[in-house]
Amino acid sequence: MSQSDALQQATERLDAATDQLESFLHDIFAGAGGSASIAQLREQVRFLSEERDRLLSDLDAERSRVRRLKAANEEVSGRLDTVMITLKGLSPAVPG
């Protein structure tokens, strides 16, 4: 999964959780569906906290992946530079 795909999925999950909370709060304040209890509010907060924690974990994993990819890229670039220098040193000088 690419970084942009993971970020897109995390954004979609956050949007869905926000929409759910917005709908829930609308029902509470509009009086539709009866009155909300403290237990319902706590459950909603718990759900959103868990979702936030999952999103933070996903973000940390993606950041770690980016760091690993950058390190691998630097290592490969360094090795390629070394190979190019070695090959130039091995090739006979061609008169111009």
C-alpha atoms as a PDB file:
ATOM      1  CA  MET A   1       0.000   0.000   0.000  1.00  0.00           C
ATOM      2  CA  SER A   2       1.466   3.338  -0.968  1.00  0.00           C
ATOM      3  CA  GLN A   3       1.745   6.214   1.441  1.00  0.00           C
ATOM      4  CA  SER A   4      -0.888   8.203  -0.419  1.00  0.00           C
ATOM      5  CA  ASP A   5      -3.292   5.219  -0.334  1.00  0.00           C
ATOM      6  CA  ALA A   6      -2.799   4.781   3.417  1.00  0.00           C
ATOM      7  CA  LEU A   7      -3.249   8.495   3.990  1.00  0.00           C
ATOM      8  CA  GLN A   8      -6.385   8.497   1.829  1.00  0.00           C
ATOM      9  CA  GLN A   9      -7.854   5.573   3.788  1.00  0.00           C
ATOM     10  CA  ALA A  10      -7.048   7.265   7.094  1.00  0.00           C
ATOM     11  CA  THR A  11      -8.657  10.480   5.869  1.00  0.00           C
ATOM     12  CA  GLU A  12     -11.774   8.607   4.793  1.00  0.00           C
ATOM     13  CA  ARG A  13     -12.017   6.880   8.184  1.00  0.00           C
ATOM     14  CA  LEU A  14     -11.618  10.205   9.966  1.00  0.00           C
ATOM     15  CA  ASP A  15     -14.287  11.787   7.743  1.00  0.00           C
ATOM     16  CA  ALA A  16     -16.661   8.898   8.453  1.00  0.00           C
ATOM     17  CA  ALA A  17     -16.083   9.168  12.206  1.00  0.00           C
ATOM     18  CA  THR A  18     -16.599  12.938  12.066  1.00  0.00           C
ATOM     19  CA  ASP A  19     -19.808  12.507  10.077  1.00  0.00           C
ATOM     20  CA  GLN A  20     -21.053   9.940  12.577  1.00  0.00           C
ATOM     21  CA  LEU A  21     -20.294  12.263  15.484  1.00  0.00           C
ATOM     22  CA  GLU A  22     -21.942  15.182  13.717  1.00  0.00           C
ATOM     23  CA  SER A  23     -25.076  13.120  13.100  1.00  0.00           C
ATOM     24  CA  PHE A  24     -25.087  11.896  16.680  1.00  0.00           C
ATOM     25  CA  LEU A  25     -24.751  15.418  18.063  1.00  0.00           C
ATOM     26  CA  HIS A  26     -27.415  16.712  15.688  1.00  0.00           C
ATOM     27  CA  ASP A  27     -29.812  14.083  17.036  1.00  0.00           C
ATOM     28  CA  ILE A  28     -28.967  15.096  20.596  1.00  0.00           C
ATOM     29  CA  PHE A  29     -29.435  18.821  20.097  1.00  0.00           C
ATOM     30  CA  ALA A  30     -32.437  18.552  17.802  1.00  0.00           C
ATOM     31  CA  GLY A  31     -34.192  16.196  20.168  1.00  0.00           C
ATOM     32  CA  ALA A  32     -34.694  13.627  17.407  1.00  0.00           C
ATOM     33  CA  GLY A  33     -34.544  10.044  18.533  1.00  0.00           C
ATOM     34  CA  GLY A  34     -34.997  10.824  22.219  1.00  0.00           C
ATOM     35  CA  SER A  35     -32.568  12.225  24.697  1.00  0.00           C
ATOM     36  CA  ALA A  36     -28.982  11.064  24.787  1.00  0.00           C
ATOM     37  CA  SER A  37     -27.622   9.603  27.937  1.00  0.00           C
ATOM     38  CA  ILE A  38     -24.222  10.167  29.462  1.00  0.00           C
ATOM     39  CA  ALA A  39     -23.449   6.516  28.668  1.00  0.00           C
ATOM     40  CA  GLN A  40     -24.137   7.113  24.962  1.00  0.00           C
ATOM     41  CA  LEU A  41     -21.913  10.174  24.948  1.00  0.00           C
ATOM     42  CA  ARG A  42     -19.132   8.259  26.716  1.00  0.00           C
ATOM     43  CA  GLU A  43     -19.427   5.429  24.212  1.00  0.00           C
ATOM     44  CA  GLN A  44     -19.154   7.890  21.325  1.00  0.00           C
ATOM     45  CA  VAL A  45     -16.100   9.535  22.896  1.00  0.00           C
ATOM     46  CA  ARG A  46     -14.536   6.096  23.444  1.00  0.00           C
ATOM     47  CA  PHE A  47     -15.159   5.148  19.819  1.00  0.00           C
ATOM     48  CA  LEU A  48     -13.637   8.382  18.527  1.00  0.00           C
ATOM     49  CA  SER A  49     -10.656   8.040  20.863  1.00  0.00           C
ATOM     50  CA  GLU A  50      -9.984   4.530  19.589  1.00  0.00           C
ATOM     51  CA  GLU A  51     -10.272   5.710  15.990  1.00  0.00           C
ATOM     52  CA  ARG A  52      -7.879   8.586  16.717  1.00  0.00           C
ATOM     53  CA  ASP A  53      -5.412   6.132  18.257  1.00  0.00           C
ATOM     54  CA  ARG A  54      -5.640   3.872  15.193  1.00  0.00           C
ATOM     55  CA  LEU A  55      -5.063   6.849  12.904  1.00  0.00           C
ATOM     56  CA  LEU A  56      -2.039   7.939  14.949  1.00  0.00           C
ATOM     57  CA  SER A  57      -0.654   4.416  14.776  1.00  0.00           C
ATOM     58  CA  ASP A  58      -1.159   4.334  10.998  1.00  0.00           C
ATOM     59  CA  LEU A  59       0.511   7.726  10.662  1.00  0.00           C
ATOM     60  CA  ASP A  60       3.494   6.602  12.759  1.00  0.00           C
ATOM     61  CA  ALA A  61       3.824   3.448  10.651  1.00  0.00           C
ATOM     62  CA  GLU A  62       3.776   5.470   7.434  1.00  0.00           C
ATOM     63  CA  ARG A  63       6.341   7.930   8.781  1.00  0.00           C
ATOM     64  CA  SER A  64       8.577   5.014   9.741  1.00  0.00           C
ATOM     65  CA  ARG A  65       8.154   3.519   6.283  1.00  0.00           C
ATOM     66  CA  VAL A  66       9.093   6.830   4.662  1.00  0.00           C
ATOM     67  CA  ARG A  67      12.247   7.032   6.806  1.00  0.00           C
ATOM     68  CA  ARG A  68      13.211   3.469   5.820  1.00  0.00           C
ATOM     69  CA  LEU A  69      12.608   4.205   2.132  1.00  0.00           C
ATOM     70  CA  LYS A  70      14.689   7.389   2.284  1.00  0.00           C
ATOM     71  CA  ALA A  71      17.546   5.508   3.988  1.00  0.00           C
ATOM     72  CA  ALA A  72      17.370   2.735   1.377  1.00  0.00           C
ATOM     73  CA  ASN A  73      17.344   5.323  -1.390  1.00  0.00           C
ATOM     74  CA  GLU A  74      20.444   7.031   0.024  1.00  0.00           C
ATOM     75  CA  GLU A  75      22.251   3.695   0.359  1.00  0.00           C
ATOM     76  CA  VAL A  76      21.417   2.633  -3.198  1.00  0.00           C
ATOM     77  CA  SER A  77      22.445   6.047  -4.558  1.00  0.00           C
ATOM     78  CA  GLY A  78      25.772   5.788  -2.734  1.00  0.00           C
ATOM     79  CA  ARG A  79      26.387   2.302  -4.086  1.00  0.00           C
ATOM     80  CA  LEU A  80      25.534   3.388  -7.622  1.00  0.00           C
ATOM     81  CA  ASP A  81      27.950   6.291  -7.344  1.00  0.00           C
ATOM     82  CA  THR A  82      30.674   3.885  -6.202  1.00  0.00           C
ATOM     83  CA  VAL A  83      29.977   1.494  -9.087  1.00  0.00           C
ATOM     84  CA  MET A  84      30.052   4.339 -11.625  1.00  0.00           C
ATOM     85  CA  ILE A  85      33.386   5.599 -10.303  1.00  0.00           C
ATOM     86  CA  THR A  86      34.792   2.057 -10.360  1.00  0.00           C
ATOM     87  CA  LEU A  87      33.609   1.478 -13.931  1.00  0.00           C
ATOM     88  CA  LYS A  88      35.083   4.773 -15.081  1.00  0.00           C
ATOM     89  CA  GLY A  89      38.385   3.776 -13.507  1.00  0.00           C
ATOM     90  CA  LEU A  90      38.346   0.402 -15.257  1.00  0.00           C
ATOM     91  CA  SER A  91      37.481   1.636 -18.718  1.00  0.00           C
ATOM     92  CA  PRO A  92      40.441   2.449 -20.949  1.00  0.00           C
ATOM     93  CA  ALA A  93      40.932   6.034 -21.923  1.00  0.00           C
ATOM     94  CA  VAL A  94      39.533   6.606 -25.383  1.00  0.00           C
ATOM     95  CA  PRO A  95      41.422   9.214 -27.362  1.00  0.00           C
ATOM     96  CA  GLY A  96      39.129  11.988 -28.398  1.00  0.00           C
END
